[in-house]
């Protein structure tokens, strides 16, 4: 690791510690040339899959867009933000674990619906009505009937 102070190429690791979550390592380093100390962090670099939209375009998986979907569906519903964060994390982890380089947006929408179903039934129906393009009241009745089963 190059010293950020003097640019020396060789630095020494004094101490290494894993963070509480276990997903990164903190290293204290010392430069033998200028004797300054600094900290580096080592984390795994994960690439989220590309999302293939309905019109065929591709874009990066965006947690903010998933969060927006949740927040719209959960508007004025008694669901803690912590639960939403956990649901978004489960969706991101599932997208990663599939091991695909590309995922259709429909598949991500289904994941969101699955998580909303567990969190709040009203939010689930709200999301489903837009996601599945409900045309009339019968579509709502069908989903509510499925919920009652």
N, C-alpha and C. Protein backbone atom coordinates (compact mmCIF):
# COMPACT_ATOMS: atom_id res chain seq x y z
N UNK A 1 0.85 -1.18 0.00
CA UNK A 1 0.00 0.00 0.00
C UNK A 1 0.89 1.24 0.00
N UNK A 2 0.62 2.15 -0.88
CA UNK A 2 1.40 3.37 -1.02
C UNK A 2 1.05 4.36 0.10
N UNK A 3 2.06 4.99 0.67
CA UNK A 3 1.87 5.97 1.74
C UNK A 3 1.20 7.22 1.18
N UNK A 4 0.08 7.66 1.78
CA UNK A 4 -0.60 8.86 1.28
C UNK A 4 0.14 10.16 1.60
N UNK A 5 1.14 10.10 2.49
CA UNK A 5 1.86 11.30 2.89
C UNK A 5 3.11 11.54 2.05
N UNK A 6 3.97 10.50 1.93
CA UNK A 6 5.23 10.69 1.21
C UNK A 6 5.30 9.93 -0.11
N UNK A 7 4.35 9.03 -0.34
CA UNK A 7 4.32 8.28 -1.60
C UNK A 7 5.19 7.04 -1.63
N UNK A 8 5.79 6.71 -0.48
CA UNK A 8 6.62 5.50 -0.42
C UNK A 8 5.77 4.28 -0.75
N UNK A 9 6.36 3.35 -1.48
CA UNK A 9 5.60 2.20 -1.97
C UNK A 9 5.40 1.13 -0.91
N UNK A 10 6.33 0.96 -0.02
CA UNK A 10 6.26 -0.12 0.96
C UNK A 10 5.83 0.42 2.33
N UNK A 11 4.69 -0.05 2.84
CA UNK A 11 4.22 0.32 4.18
C UNK A 11 4.01 -0.94 4.99
N UNK A 12 4.02 -0.80 6.31
CA UNK A 12 3.88 -1.95 7.20
C UNK A 12 2.49 -1.95 7.84
N UNK A 13 1.93 -3.15 7.98
CA UNK A 13 0.67 -3.31 8.70
C UNK A 13 1.01 -3.49 10.17
N UNK A 14 0.44 -2.61 11.01
CA UNK A 14 0.69 -2.66 12.45
C UNK A 14 -0.39 -3.50 13.14
N UNK A 15 -1.65 -3.31 12.70
CA UNK A 15 -2.77 -3.97 13.36
C UNK A 15 -3.88 -4.21 12.33
N UNK A 16 -4.55 -5.36 12.43
CA UNK A 16 -5.69 -5.67 11.56
C UNK A 16 -6.85 -6.11 12.44
N UNK A 17 -8.04 -5.57 12.14
CA UNK A 17 -9.24 -5.95 12.89
C UNK A 17 -10.43 -6.07 11.95
N UNK A 18 -11.26 -7.08 12.21
CA UNK A 18 -12.49 -7.26 11.45
C UNK A 18 -13.56 -6.40 12.13
N UNK A 19 -14.40 -5.71 11.32
CA UNK A 19 -15.44 -4.88 11.91
C UNK A 19 -16.54 -5.75 12.52
N UNK A 20 -17.47 -5.14 13.24
CA UNK A 20 -18.51 -5.87 13.96
C UNK A 20 -19.38 -6.72 13.04
N UNK A 21 -19.70 -6.22 11.85
CA UNK A 21 -20.54 -6.97 10.92
C UNK A 21 -19.77 -8.09 10.23
N UNK A 22 -18.46 -8.03 10.28
CA UNK A 22 -17.63 -9.05 9.66
C UNK A 22 -17.47 -8.91 8.16
N UNK A 23 -17.82 -7.71 7.62
CA UNK A 23 -17.74 -7.56 6.16
C UNK A 23 -16.61 -6.65 5.70
N UNK A 24 -15.77 -6.20 6.62
CA UNK A 24 -14.59 -5.43 6.22
C UNK A 24 -13.49 -5.59 7.26
N UNK A 25 -12.27 -5.28 6.83
CA UNK A 25 -11.11 -5.36 7.71
C UNK A 25 -10.47 -3.97 7.78
N UNK A 26 -10.22 -3.54 9.00
CA UNK A 26 -9.56 -2.24 9.24
C UNK A 26 -8.09 -2.55 9.51
N UNK A 27 -7.20 -1.87 8.78
CA UNK A 27 -5.76 -2.08 8.96
C UNK A 27 -5.08 -0.76 9.33
N UNK A 28 -4.33 -0.79 10.43
CA UNK A 28 -3.49 0.35 10.79
C UNK A 28 -2.14 0.11 10.14
N UNK A 29 -1.64 1.13 9.47
CA UNK A 29 -0.37 0.99 8.74
C UNK A 29 0.61 2.08 9.18
N UNK A 30 1.89 1.79 8.98
CA UNK A 30 2.96 2.75 9.27
C UNK A 30 3.91 2.78 8.10
N UNK A 31 4.31 3.99 7.74
CA UNK A 31 5.27 4.16 6.66
C UNK A 31 6.67 4.22 7.28
N UNK A 32 7.57 3.31 6.89
CA UNK A 32 8.93 3.34 7.43
C UNK A 32 9.74 4.56 6.95
N UNK A 33 9.36 5.15 5.83
CA UNK A 33 10.10 6.30 5.29
C UNK A 33 9.84 7.57 6.08
N UNK A 34 8.53 7.90 6.28
CA UNK A 34 8.20 9.16 6.95
C UNK A 34 7.67 8.95 8.37
N UNK A 35 7.49 7.70 8.76
CA UNK A 35 7.03 7.29 10.10
C UNK A 35 5.61 7.77 10.43
N UNK A 36 4.83 8.11 9.42
CA UNK A 36 3.43 8.50 9.67
C UNK A 36 2.58 7.24 9.66
N UNK A 37 1.41 7.35 10.33
CA UNK A 37 0.48 6.24 10.40
C UNK A 37 -0.82 6.60 9.70
N UNK A 38 -1.48 5.60 9.15
CA UNK A 38 -2.77 5.81 8.50
C UNK A 38 -3.57 4.51 8.55
N UNK A 39 -4.85 4.61 8.24
CA UNK A 39 -5.76 3.47 8.29
C UNK A 39 -6.30 3.17 6.90
N UNK A 40 -6.39 1.88 6.57
CA UNK A 40 -7.03 1.46 5.33
C UNK A 40 -8.14 0.47 5.68
N UNK A 41 -9.09 0.35 4.77
CA UNK A 41 -10.21 -0.58 4.95
C UNK A 41 -10.27 -1.50 3.74
N UNK A 42 -10.46 -2.77 4.00
CA UNK A 42 -10.56 -3.76 2.95
C UNK A 42 -11.98 -4.33 2.96
N UNK A 43 -12.66 -4.23 1.82
CA UNK A 43 -14.01 -4.78 1.69
C UNK A 43 -14.12 -5.55 0.39
N UNK A 44 -15.09 -6.45 0.35
CA UNK A 44 -15.34 -7.22 -0.87
C UNK A 44 -16.03 -6.31 -1.88
N UNK A 45 -15.62 -6.41 -3.12
CA UNK A 45 -16.25 -5.63 -4.18
C UNK A 45 -17.24 -6.54 -4.90
N UNK A 46 -18.52 -6.20 -4.75
CA UNK A 46 -19.58 -7.00 -5.35
C UNK A 46 -20.25 -6.20 -6.46
N UNK A 47 -20.51 -6.85 -7.57
CA UNK A 47 -21.18 -6.18 -8.68
C UNK A 47 -22.62 -6.67 -8.76
N UNK A 48 -23.53 -5.73 -8.57
CA UNK A 48 -24.94 -6.07 -8.68
C UNK A 48 -25.26 -6.33 -10.15
N UNK A 49 -26.25 -7.19 -10.41
CA UNK A 49 -26.60 -7.46 -11.81
C UNK A 49 -27.25 -6.24 -12.48
N UNK A 50 -27.16 -6.21 -13.79
CA UNK A 50 -27.85 -5.18 -14.57
C UNK A 50 -29.33 -5.52 -14.59
N UNK A 51 -30.17 -4.51 -14.64
CA UNK A 51 -31.62 -4.71 -14.70
C UNK A 51 -32.07 -4.47 -16.14
N UNK A 52 -32.77 -5.45 -16.69
CA UNK A 52 -33.32 -5.31 -18.05
C UNK A 52 -34.75 -4.81 -17.89
N UNK A 53 -34.98 -3.59 -18.34
CA UNK A 53 -36.30 -2.99 -18.20
C UNK A 53 -37.25 -3.52 -19.28
N UNK A 54 -38.53 -3.19 -19.15
CA UNK A 54 -39.57 -3.66 -20.08
C UNK A 54 -39.25 -3.27 -21.53
N UNK A 55 -38.69 -2.09 -21.72
CA UNK A 55 -38.42 -1.63 -23.09
C UNK A 55 -37.09 -2.15 -23.64
N UNK A 56 -36.41 -3.02 -22.88
CA UNK A 56 -35.18 -3.62 -23.35
C UNK A 56 -33.91 -2.90 -22.93
N UNK A 57 -34.03 -1.71 -22.38
CA UNK A 57 -32.83 -1.00 -21.93
C UNK A 57 -32.29 -1.64 -20.66
N UNK A 58 -31.02 -1.39 -20.40
CA UNK A 58 -30.36 -1.95 -19.21
C UNK A 58 -29.85 -0.81 -18.35
N UNK A 59 -29.96 -1.03 -17.05
CA UNK A 59 -29.41 -0.06 -16.11
C UNK A 59 -28.93 -0.79 -14.87
N UNK A 60 -28.14 -0.09 -14.05
CA UNK A 60 -27.62 -0.67 -12.82
C UNK A 60 -28.74 -0.92 -11.83
N UNK A 61 -28.61 -1.98 -11.03
CA UNK A 61 -29.53 -2.22 -9.93
C UNK A 61 -29.42 -1.03 -8.99
N UNK A 62 -30.54 -0.44 -8.63
CA UNK A 62 -30.54 0.78 -7.83
C UNK A 62 -31.39 0.58 -6.59
N UNK A 63 -30.73 0.48 -5.43
CA UNK A 63 -31.46 0.33 -4.17
C UNK A 63 -32.41 1.50 -3.92
N UNK A 64 -32.04 2.68 -4.38
CA UNK A 64 -32.89 3.85 -4.16
C UNK A 64 -34.23 3.68 -4.88
N UNK A 65 -34.21 3.08 -6.07
CA UNK A 65 -35.47 2.86 -6.79
C UNK A 65 -36.33 1.82 -6.08
N UNK A 66 -35.68 0.79 -5.55
CA UNK A 66 -36.42 -0.21 -4.78
C UNK A 66 -37.02 0.44 -3.54
N UNK A 67 -36.24 1.29 -2.87
CA UNK A 67 -36.74 2.00 -1.68
C UNK A 67 -37.93 2.89 -2.04
N UNK A 68 -37.86 3.57 -3.18
CA UNK A 68 -38.97 4.43 -3.61
C UNK A 68 -40.24 3.60 -3.80
N UNK A 69 -40.10 2.42 -4.38
CA UNK A 69 -41.26 1.54 -4.55
C UNK A 69 -41.87 1.17 -3.21
N UNK A 70 -41.01 0.83 -2.26
CA UNK A 70 -41.49 0.49 -0.92
C UNK A 70 -42.18 1.69 -0.27
N UNK A 71 -41.56 2.84 -0.37
CA UNK A 71 -42.11 4.02 0.32
C UNK A 71 -43.45 4.44 -0.28
N UNK A 72 -43.61 4.31 -1.57
CA UNK A 72 -44.90 4.63 -2.19
C UNK A 72 -45.98 3.67 -1.73
N UNK A 73 -45.65 2.39 -1.72
CA UNK A 73 -46.63 1.39 -1.30
C UNK A 73 -46.94 1.49 0.18
N UNK A 74 -45.94 1.87 0.98
CA UNK A 74 -46.11 1.92 2.43
C UNK A 74 -46.50 3.30 2.95
N UNK A 75 -46.83 4.22 2.06
CA UNK A 75 -47.18 5.59 2.46
C UNK A 75 -48.29 5.56 3.53
N UNK A 76 -48.00 6.17 4.67
CA UNK A 76 -48.93 6.26 5.81
C UNK A 76 -49.31 4.90 6.38
N UNK A 77 -48.43 3.92 6.25
CA UNK A 77 -48.66 2.60 6.83
C UNK A 77 -47.71 2.43 8.02
N UNK A 78 -48.14 1.70 9.05
CA UNK A 78 -47.33 1.57 10.28
C UNK A 78 -46.23 0.51 10.17
N UNK A 79 -45.29 0.73 9.27
CA UNK A 79 -44.18 -0.21 9.10
C UNK A 79 -42.88 0.55 9.39
N UNK A 80 -42.11 0.07 10.37
CA UNK A 80 -40.85 0.75 10.72
C UNK A 80 -39.85 0.74 9.56
N UNK A 81 -39.10 1.80 9.46
CA UNK A 81 -38.07 1.93 8.42
C UNK A 81 -37.06 0.80 8.49
N UNK A 82 -36.79 0.33 9.69
CA UNK A 82 -35.85 -0.77 9.88
C UNK A 82 -36.30 -2.02 9.11
N UNK A 83 -37.60 -2.30 9.12
CA UNK A 83 -38.12 -3.46 8.40
C UNK A 83 -37.98 -3.27 6.89
N UNK A 84 -38.18 -2.04 6.44
CA UNK A 84 -38.02 -1.74 5.00
C UNK A 84 -36.56 -1.94 4.60
N UNK A 85 -35.64 -1.43 5.42
CA UNK A 85 -34.21 -1.60 5.14
C UNK A 85 -33.84 -3.08 5.05
N UNK A 86 -34.37 -3.88 5.97
CA UNK A 86 -34.07 -5.31 5.95
C UNK A 86 -34.63 -5.98 4.70
N UNK A 87 -35.84 -5.58 4.29
CA UNK A 87 -36.45 -6.14 3.09
C UNK A 87 -35.63 -5.79 1.85
N UNK A 88 -35.18 -4.55 1.76
CA UNK A 88 -34.36 -4.12 0.63
C UNK A 88 -33.04 -4.89 0.61
N UNK A 89 -32.47 -5.10 1.76
CA UNK A 89 -31.22 -5.87 1.85
C UNK A 89 -31.45 -7.31 1.40
N UNK A 90 -32.58 -7.91 1.78
CA UNK A 90 -32.88 -9.28 1.34
C UNK A 90 -33.03 -9.36 -0.18
N UNK A 91 -33.65 -8.33 -0.77
CA UNK A 91 -33.81 -8.29 -2.23
C UNK A 91 -32.44 -8.18 -2.90
N UNK A 92 -31.59 -7.30 -2.39
CA UNK A 92 -30.25 -7.13 -2.97
C UNK A 92 -29.44 -8.41 -2.83
N UNK A 93 -29.52 -9.06 -1.68
CA UNK A 93 -28.78 -10.30 -1.47
C UNK A 93 -29.28 -11.42 -2.39
N UNK A 94 -30.61 -11.47 -2.57
CA UNK A 94 -31.16 -12.49 -3.46
C UNK A 94 -30.71 -12.23 -4.90
N UNK A 95 -30.72 -10.95 -5.31
CA UNK A 95 -30.27 -10.60 -6.66
C UNK A 95 -28.82 -11.02 -6.86
N UNK A 96 -28.00 -10.82 -5.84
CA UNK A 96 -26.59 -11.23 -5.91
C UNK A 96 -26.46 -12.74 -5.93
N UNK A 97 -27.21 -13.41 -5.08
CA UNK A 97 -27.06 -14.86 -4.94
C UNK A 97 -27.53 -15.63 -6.17
N UNK A 98 -28.36 -15.01 -7.00
CA UNK A 98 -28.78 -15.68 -8.22
C UNK A 98 -27.61 -15.90 -9.17
N UNK A 99 -26.58 -15.08 -9.02
CA UNK A 99 -25.37 -15.25 -9.82
C UNK A 99 -25.51 -14.84 -11.27
N UNK A 100 -26.57 -14.14 -11.59
CA UNK A 100 -26.80 -13.70 -12.96
C UNK A 100 -26.18 -12.32 -13.17
N UNK A 101 -25.76 -12.06 -14.39
CA UNK A 101 -25.22 -10.73 -14.71
C UNK A 101 -26.33 -9.75 -15.03
N UNK A 102 -27.50 -10.29 -15.44
CA UNK A 102 -28.66 -9.45 -15.77
C UNK A 102 -29.92 -10.09 -15.20
N UNK A 103 -30.81 -9.22 -14.73
CA UNK A 103 -32.11 -9.67 -14.21
C UNK A 103 -33.21 -8.84 -14.86
N UNK A 104 -34.32 -9.46 -15.24
CA UNK A 104 -35.44 -8.67 -15.75
C UNK A 104 -36.09 -7.88 -14.62
N UNK A 105 -36.55 -6.69 -14.93
CA UNK A 105 -37.18 -5.84 -13.91
C UNK A 105 -38.40 -6.52 -13.31
N UNK A 106 -39.06 -7.38 -14.08
CA UNK A 106 -40.23 -8.11 -13.56
C UNK A 106 -39.83 -8.99 -12.38
N UNK A 107 -38.66 -9.58 -12.45
CA UNK A 107 -38.20 -10.46 -11.37
C UNK A 107 -37.96 -9.65 -10.09
N UNK A 108 -37.41 -8.47 -10.24
CA UNK A 108 -37.20 -7.61 -9.07
C UNK A 108 -38.55 -7.16 -8.52
N UNK A 109 -39.49 -6.84 -9.41
CA UNK A 109 -40.83 -6.47 -8.98
C UNK A 109 -41.50 -7.57 -8.19
N UNK A 110 -41.29 -8.82 -8.61
CA UNK A 110 -41.85 -9.96 -7.87
C UNK A 110 -41.21 -10.08 -6.49
N UNK A 111 -39.92 -9.81 -6.41
CA UNK A 111 -39.24 -9.84 -5.11
C UNK A 111 -39.82 -8.77 -4.19
N UNK A 112 -40.06 -7.58 -4.74
CA UNK A 112 -40.65 -6.50 -3.95
C UNK A 112 -42.04 -6.91 -3.46
N UNK A 113 -42.82 -7.49 -4.35
CA UNK A 113 -44.16 -7.92 -3.96
C UNK A 113 -44.10 -8.96 -2.84
N UNK A 114 -43.16 -9.88 -2.94
CA UNK A 114 -43.02 -10.91 -1.92
C UNK A 114 -42.70 -10.28 -0.55
N UNK A 115 -41.78 -9.32 -0.55
CA UNK A 115 -41.41 -8.66 0.71
C UNK A 115 -42.57 -7.81 1.25
N UNK A 116 -43.28 -7.12 0.37
CA UNK A 116 -44.43 -6.32 0.82
C UNK A 116 -45.53 -7.21 1.40
N UNK A 117 -45.70 -8.37 0.82
CA UNK A 117 -46.70 -9.32 1.33
C UNK A 117 -46.42 -9.66 2.78
N UNK A 118 -45.13 -9.83 3.11
CA UNK A 118 -44.75 -10.16 4.49
C UNK A 118 -44.87 -8.95 5.41
N UNK A 119 -44.65 -7.74 4.89
CA UNK A 119 -44.65 -6.54 5.72
C UNK A 119 -46.04 -5.98 5.99
N UNK A 120 -46.83 -5.83 4.93
CA UNK A 120 -48.11 -5.13 5.09
C UNK A 120 -49.02 -5.47 3.90
N UNK A 121 -50.18 -6.02 4.19
CA UNK A 121 -51.08 -6.48 3.13
C UNK A 121 -51.65 -5.31 2.31
N UNK A 122 -51.92 -4.19 2.96
CA UNK A 122 -52.44 -3.02 2.23
C UNK A 122 -51.39 -2.50 1.25
N UNK A 123 -50.16 -2.42 1.70
CA UNK A 123 -49.07 -1.98 0.83
C UNK A 123 -48.88 -2.96 -0.32
N UNK A 124 -49.03 -4.24 -0.03
CA UNK A 124 -48.93 -5.26 -1.06
C UNK A 124 -49.98 -5.03 -2.15
N UNK A 125 -51.22 -4.75 -1.75
CA UNK A 125 -52.29 -4.51 -2.72
C UNK A 125 -52.03 -3.23 -3.50
N UNK A 126 -51.55 -2.19 -2.82
CA UNK A 126 -51.22 -0.94 -3.52
C UNK A 126 -50.19 -1.18 -4.61
N UNK A 127 -49.12 -1.87 -4.23
CA UNK A 127 -48.05 -2.13 -5.20
C UNK A 127 -48.56 -3.01 -6.33
N UNK A 128 -49.29 -4.06 -5.98
CA UNK A 128 -49.81 -4.98 -7.00
C UNK A 128 -50.72 -4.27 -7.98
N UNK A 129 -51.51 -3.31 -7.49
CA UNK A 129 -52.44 -2.62 -8.39
C UNK A 129 -51.72 -1.84 -9.48
N UNK A 130 -50.57 -1.28 -9.16
CA UNK A 130 -49.78 -0.55 -10.15
C UNK A 130 -48.92 -1.53 -10.96
N UNK A 131 -48.26 -2.43 -10.26
CA UNK A 131 -47.33 -3.36 -10.88
C UNK A 131 -48.03 -4.27 -11.88
N UNK A 132 -49.22 -4.73 -11.52
CA UNK A 132 -49.96 -5.63 -12.41
C UNK A 132 -51.02 -4.91 -13.23
N UNK A 133 -51.00 -3.60 -13.18
CA UNK A 133 -51.90 -2.76 -13.99
C UNK A 133 -53.37 -3.17 -13.86
N UNK A 134 -53.88 -3.09 -12.63
CA UNK A 134 -55.29 -3.42 -12.41
C UNK A 134 -56.17 -2.54 -13.26
N UNK A 135 -57.18 -3.12 -13.87
CA UNK A 135 -58.09 -2.39 -14.76
C UNK A 135 -59.40 -2.03 -14.09
N UNK A 136 -59.87 -2.86 -13.18
CA UNK A 136 -61.15 -2.58 -12.52
C UNK A 136 -61.17 -3.19 -11.13
N UNK A 137 -62.30 -3.05 -10.45
CA UNK A 137 -62.46 -3.49 -9.07
C UNK A 137 -62.31 -5.01 -8.95
N UNK A 138 -62.66 -5.73 -9.98
CA UNK A 138 -62.55 -7.19 -9.94
C UNK A 138 -61.10 -7.64 -9.72
N UNK A 139 -60.17 -6.91 -10.26
CA UNK A 139 -58.76 -7.24 -10.06
C UNK A 139 -58.38 -7.12 -8.59
N UNK A 140 -58.90 -6.07 -7.93
CA UNK A 140 -58.66 -5.89 -6.50
C UNK A 140 -59.29 -7.04 -5.72
N UNK A 141 -60.52 -7.39 -6.07
CA UNK A 141 -61.23 -8.48 -5.39
C UNK A 141 -60.44 -9.78 -5.48
N UNK A 142 -59.89 -10.05 -6.65
CA UNK A 142 -59.13 -11.30 -6.85
C UNK A 142 -57.91 -11.34 -5.92
N UNK A 143 -57.20 -10.24 -5.81
CA UNK A 143 -56.02 -10.20 -4.96
C UNK A 143 -56.42 -10.32 -3.50
N UNK A 144 -57.48 -9.63 -3.09
CA UNK A 144 -57.95 -9.71 -1.71
C UNK A 144 -58.39 -11.13 -1.40
N UNK A 145 -59.06 -11.75 -2.33
CA UNK A 145 -59.50 -13.14 -2.13
C UNK A 145 -58.28 -14.04 -1.95
N UNK A 146 -57.23 -13.80 -2.72
CA UNK A 146 -56.01 -14.60 -2.58
C UNK A 146 -55.37 -14.39 -1.20
N UNK A 147 -55.45 -13.15 -0.69
CA UNK A 147 -54.91 -12.85 0.63
C UNK A 147 -55.65 -13.59 1.73
N UNK A 148 -56.96 -13.73 1.57
CA UNK A 148 -57.77 -14.39 2.59
C UNK A 148 -57.52 -15.89 2.68
N UNK A 149 -56.95 -16.47 1.63
CA UNK A 149 -56.71 -17.93 1.65
C UNK A 149 -55.60 -18.33 2.57
